[in-house]
Amino acid sequence: MEFYEVVRSKLIELCGERNISNKQLAQKSGVPLSTINNILYCKSVNPGIVTIKKLCDGVGISLGVFLSQVEERFDQLNNALMAE
């Protein structure tokens, strides 16, 4: 799994936990809905750190915590793949 896919899945998870739609996330974060959709539907494979920070603000999580959780999940997935 690619890193951007883990970022995407974490954003989807956070929005689901908070019951936030893509449109609501755009309103809360100030990130255009088209950009959010591109990230969530894997059309953008390299979202910038400023965009990720704004999205984190929109879902109410710090950038540091978000990146830490994404990195942990990414490492777990890669370790699982290497073990196979």
N, C-alpha and C. Protein backbone atom coordinates (compact mmCIF):
# COMPACT_ATOMS: atom_id res chain seq x y z
N MET A 1 0.84 -1.18 0.00
CA MET A 1 0.00 0.00 0.00
C MET A 1 0.89 1.24 0.00
N GLU A 2 0.50 2.22 -0.78
CA GLU A 2 1.25 3.46 -0.88
C GLU A 2 0.90 4.39 0.28
N PHE A 3 1.81 5.30 0.60
CA PHE A 3 1.62 6.21 1.72
C PHE A 3 0.36 7.06 1.53
N TYR A 4 0.15 7.57 0.30
CA TYR A 4 -1.03 8.41 0.06
C TYR A 4 -2.33 7.63 0.29
N GLU A 5 -2.30 6.33 0.07
CA GLU A 5 -3.49 5.51 0.31
C GLU A 5 -3.79 5.41 1.80
N VAL A 6 -2.75 5.40 2.61
CA VAL A 6 -2.94 5.38 4.06
C VAL A 6 -3.47 6.73 4.53
N VAL A 7 -2.94 7.82 3.97
CA VAL A 7 -3.46 9.15 4.28
C VAL A 7 -4.94 9.21 3.94
N ARG A 8 -5.28 8.75 2.77
CA ARG A 8 -6.67 8.73 2.30
C ARG A 8 -7.55 7.92 3.25
N SER A 9 -7.13 6.72 3.59
CA SER A 9 -7.96 5.86 4.45
C SER A 9 -8.12 6.46 5.84
N LYS A 10 -7.08 7.13 6.34
CA LYS A 10 -7.17 7.76 7.66
C LYS A 10 -8.15 8.93 7.62
N LEU A 11 -8.12 9.72 6.56
CA LEU A 11 -9.08 10.82 6.42
C LEU A 11 -10.51 10.30 6.35
N ILE A 12 -10.71 9.24 5.59
CA ILE A 12 -12.04 8.64 5.49
C ILE A 12 -12.49 8.14 6.86
N GLU A 13 -11.60 7.50 7.58
CA GLU A 13 -11.91 7.00 8.92
C GLU A 13 -12.30 8.14 9.86
N LEU A 14 -11.52 9.22 9.85
CA LEU A 14 -11.80 10.35 10.73
C LEU A 14 -13.13 11.02 10.39
N CYS A 15 -13.39 11.18 9.11
CA CYS A 15 -14.67 11.77 8.70
C CYS A 15 -15.83 10.87 9.11
N GLY A 16 -15.66 9.58 8.97
CA GLY A 16 -16.70 8.64 9.38
C GLY A 16 -16.96 8.69 10.88
N GLU A 17 -15.90 8.73 11.66
CA GLU A 17 -16.03 8.80 13.12
C GLU A 17 -16.75 10.06 13.56
N ARG A 18 -16.53 11.14 12.81
CA ARG A 18 -17.10 12.43 13.19
C ARG A 18 -18.36 12.76 12.40
N ASN A 19 -18.76 11.83 11.54
CA ASN A 19 -19.96 12.01 10.72
C ASN A 19 -19.88 13.29 9.88
N ILE A 20 -18.74 13.48 9.22
CA ILE A 20 -18.48 14.66 8.40
C ILE A 20 -18.45 14.23 6.93
N SER A 21 -19.27 14.88 6.12
CA SER A 21 -19.28 14.60 4.68
C SER A 21 -18.11 15.34 4.02
N ASN A 22 -17.85 15.00 2.77
CA ASN A 22 -16.80 15.67 2.01
C ASN A 22 -17.09 17.18 1.94
N LYS A 23 -18.34 17.52 1.71
CA LYS A 23 -18.74 18.92 1.60
C LYS A 23 -18.54 19.65 2.93
N GLN A 24 -18.91 19.00 4.02
CA GLN A 24 -18.70 19.60 5.34
C GLN A 24 -17.22 19.77 5.64
N LEU A 25 -16.41 18.78 5.23
CA LEU A 25 -14.97 18.88 5.43
C LEU A 25 -14.41 20.07 4.66
N ALA A 26 -14.91 20.27 3.46
CA ALA A 26 -14.46 21.42 2.66
C ALA A 26 -14.80 22.72 3.38
N GLN A 27 -15.98 22.80 3.93
CA GLN A 27 -16.40 24.02 4.63
C GLN A 27 -15.57 24.23 5.89
N LYS A 28 -15.34 23.17 6.65
CA LYS A 28 -14.61 23.28 7.91
C LYS A 28 -13.12 23.56 7.71
N SER A 29 -12.56 23.01 6.63
CA SER A 29 -11.11 23.10 6.43
C SER A 29 -10.68 24.24 5.52
N GLY A 30 -11.59 24.71 4.67
CA GLY A 30 -11.22 25.71 3.69
C GLY A 30 -10.53 25.12 2.47
N VAL A 31 -10.51 23.80 2.38
CA VAL A 31 -9.94 23.11 1.22
C VAL A 31 -11.06 22.90 0.20
N PRO A 32 -10.83 23.23 -1.06
CA PRO A 32 -11.89 23.05 -2.06
C PRO A 32 -12.38 21.60 -2.11
N LEU A 33 -13.68 21.45 -2.31
CA LEU A 33 -14.29 20.12 -2.38
C LEU A 33 -13.62 19.28 -3.47
N SER A 34 -13.27 19.89 -4.58
CA SER A 34 -12.63 19.14 -5.67
C SER A 34 -11.29 18.57 -5.23
N THR A 35 -10.55 19.31 -4.42
CA THR A 35 -9.26 18.83 -3.91
C THR A 35 -9.49 17.66 -2.96
N ILE A 36 -10.47 17.80 -2.08
CA ILE A 36 -10.79 16.71 -1.14
C ILE A 36 -11.19 15.46 -1.91
N ASN A 37 -12.05 15.61 -2.89
CA ASN A 37 -12.48 14.46 -3.69
C ASN A 37 -11.30 13.82 -4.43
N ASN A 38 -10.39 14.65 -4.93
CA ASN A 38 -9.21 14.11 -5.62
C ASN A 38 -8.35 13.28 -4.67
N ILE A 39 -8.24 13.73 -3.42
CA ILE A 39 -7.46 12.98 -2.43
C ILE A 39 -8.19 11.69 -2.06
N LEU A 40 -9.48 11.80 -1.78
CA LEU A 40 -10.24 10.64 -1.30
C LEU A 40 -10.49 9.60 -2.39
N TYR A 41 -10.46 10.02 -3.65
CA TYR A 41 -10.68 9.06 -4.75
C TYR A 41 -9.39 8.77 -5.50
N CYS A 42 -8.25 9.03 -4.84
CA CYS A 42 -6.91 8.67 -5.32
C CYS A 42 -6.55 9.30 -6.66
N LYS A 43 -7.09 10.45 -6.97
CA LYS A 43 -6.67 11.16 -8.17
C LYS A 43 -5.48 12.06 -7.86
N SER A 44 -5.31 12.38 -6.59
CA SER A 44 -4.16 13.16 -6.13
C SER A 44 -3.32 12.24 -5.25
N VAL A 45 -2.12 11.94 -5.69
CA VAL A 45 -1.29 11.00 -4.94
C VAL A 45 -0.21 11.71 -4.13
N ASN A 46 -0.21 13.04 -4.15
CA ASN A 46 0.79 13.78 -3.41
C ASN A 46 0.20 15.07 -2.84
N PRO A 47 -0.76 14.94 -1.92
CA PRO A 47 -1.32 16.16 -1.34
C PRO A 47 -0.26 16.89 -0.52
N GLY A 48 -0.25 18.20 -0.63
CA GLY A 48 0.73 19.00 0.09
C GLY A 48 0.48 19.02 1.59
N ILE A 49 1.52 19.33 2.33
CA ILE A 49 1.44 19.35 3.78
C ILE A 49 0.49 20.43 4.27
N VAL A 50 0.41 21.56 3.57
CA VAL A 50 -0.52 22.62 3.96
C VAL A 50 -1.96 22.13 3.81
N THR A 51 -2.23 21.42 2.73
CA THR A 51 -3.57 20.85 2.53
C THR A 51 -3.90 19.84 3.61
N ILE A 52 -2.96 18.97 3.91
CA ILE A 52 -3.19 17.97 4.96
C ILE A 52 -3.42 18.65 6.30
N LYS A 53 -2.67 19.71 6.59
CA LYS A 53 -2.85 20.46 7.84
C LYS A 53 -4.26 21.04 7.91
N LYS A 54 -4.73 21.62 6.83
CA LYS A 54 -6.07 22.20 6.80
C LYS A 54 -7.13 21.11 7.01
N LEU A 55 -6.93 19.96 6.39
CA LEU A 55 -7.87 18.86 6.56
C LEU A 55 -7.87 18.36 8.00
N CYS A 56 -6.70 18.30 8.59
CA CYS A 56 -6.61 17.91 10.00
C CYS A 56 -7.38 18.90 10.88
N ASP A 57 -7.20 20.18 10.61
CA ASP A 57 -7.94 21.19 11.36
C ASP A 57 -9.44 20.98 11.18
N GLY A 58 -9.85 20.63 9.97
CA GLY A 58 -11.26 20.42 9.68
C GLY A 58 -11.88 19.25 10.43
N VAL A 59 -11.09 18.23 10.70
CA VAL A 59 -11.62 17.07 11.44
C VAL A 59 -11.23 17.12 12.91
N GLY A 60 -10.51 18.16 13.31
CA GLY A 60 -10.20 18.36 14.72
C GLY A 60 -9.11 17.46 15.27
N ILE A 61 -8.05 17.27 14.49
CA ILE A 61 -6.90 16.48 14.95
C ILE A 61 -5.64 17.27 14.60
N SER A 62 -4.65 17.18 15.45
CA SER A 62 -3.41 17.90 15.14
C SER A 62 -2.67 17.19 14.00
N LEU A 63 -1.91 17.97 13.28
CA LEU A 63 -1.12 17.41 12.19
C LEU A 63 -0.16 16.36 12.70
N GLY A 64 0.47 16.63 13.84
CA GLY A 64 1.43 15.68 14.40
C GLY A 64 0.80 14.35 14.74
N VAL A 65 -0.36 14.38 15.38
CA VAL A 65 -1.05 13.14 15.74
C VAL A 65 -1.48 12.40 14.47
N PHE A 66 -2.02 13.14 13.51
CA PHE A 66 -2.45 12.53 12.25
C PHE A 66 -1.29 11.83 11.56
N LEU A 67 -0.18 12.53 11.40
CA LEU A 67 0.97 11.93 10.70
C LEU A 67 1.55 10.75 11.47
N SER A 68 1.53 10.84 12.78
CA SER A 68 2.01 9.73 13.61
C SER A 68 1.14 8.49 13.39
N GLN A 69 -0.17 8.69 13.37
CA GLN A 69 -1.09 7.57 13.17
C GLN A 69 -0.96 6.99 11.76
N VAL A 70 -0.80 7.86 10.78
CA VAL A 70 -0.63 7.41 9.40
C VAL A 70 0.67 6.62 9.26
N GLU A 71 1.74 7.14 9.84
CA GLU A 71 3.03 6.45 9.76
C GLU A 71 2.97 5.08 10.43
N GLU A 72 2.32 5.02 11.59
CA GLU A 72 2.19 3.75 12.30
C GLU A 72 1.43 2.73 11.46
N ARG A 73 0.31 3.16 10.88
CA ARG A 73 -0.49 2.25 10.04
C ARG A 73 0.29 1.82 8.81
N PHE A 74 1.00 2.75 8.19
CA PHE A 74 1.81 2.46 7.00
C PHE A 74 2.87 1.41 7.33
N ASP A 75 3.55 1.59 8.46
CA ASP A 75 4.58 0.64 8.88
C ASP A 75 3.98 -0.74 9.17
N GLN A 76 2.84 -0.77 9.84
CA GLN A 76 2.17 -2.03 10.13
C GLN A 76 1.81 -2.78 8.85
N LEU A 77 1.27 -2.05 7.88
CA LEU A 77 0.87 -2.68 6.62
C LEU A 77 2.09 -3.20 5.87
N ASN A 78 3.15 -2.42 5.84
CA ASN A 78 4.35 -2.85 5.14
C ASN A 78 5.00 -4.05 5.83
N ASN A 79 5.01 -4.04 7.16
CA ASN A 79 5.56 -5.18 7.89
C ASN A 79 4.75 -6.44 7.66
N ALA A 80 3.45 -6.30 7.58
CA ALA A 80 2.58 -7.44 7.30
C ALA A 80 2.85 -8.00 5.91
N LEU A 81 3.04 -7.11 4.96
CA LEU A 81 3.32 -7.54 3.59
C LEU A 81 4.68 -8.24 3.50
N MET A 82 5.66 -7.74 4.23
CA MET A 82 6.99 -8.34 4.21
C MET A 82 7.00 -9.69 4.89
N ALA A 83 6.11 -9.90 5.83
CA ALA A 83 6.05 -11.16 6.57
C ALA A 83 5.43 -12.28 5.73
N GLU A 84 4.68 -11.88 4.71
CA GLU A 84 4.00 -12.91 3.88
C GLU A 84 4.95 -13.65 2.98
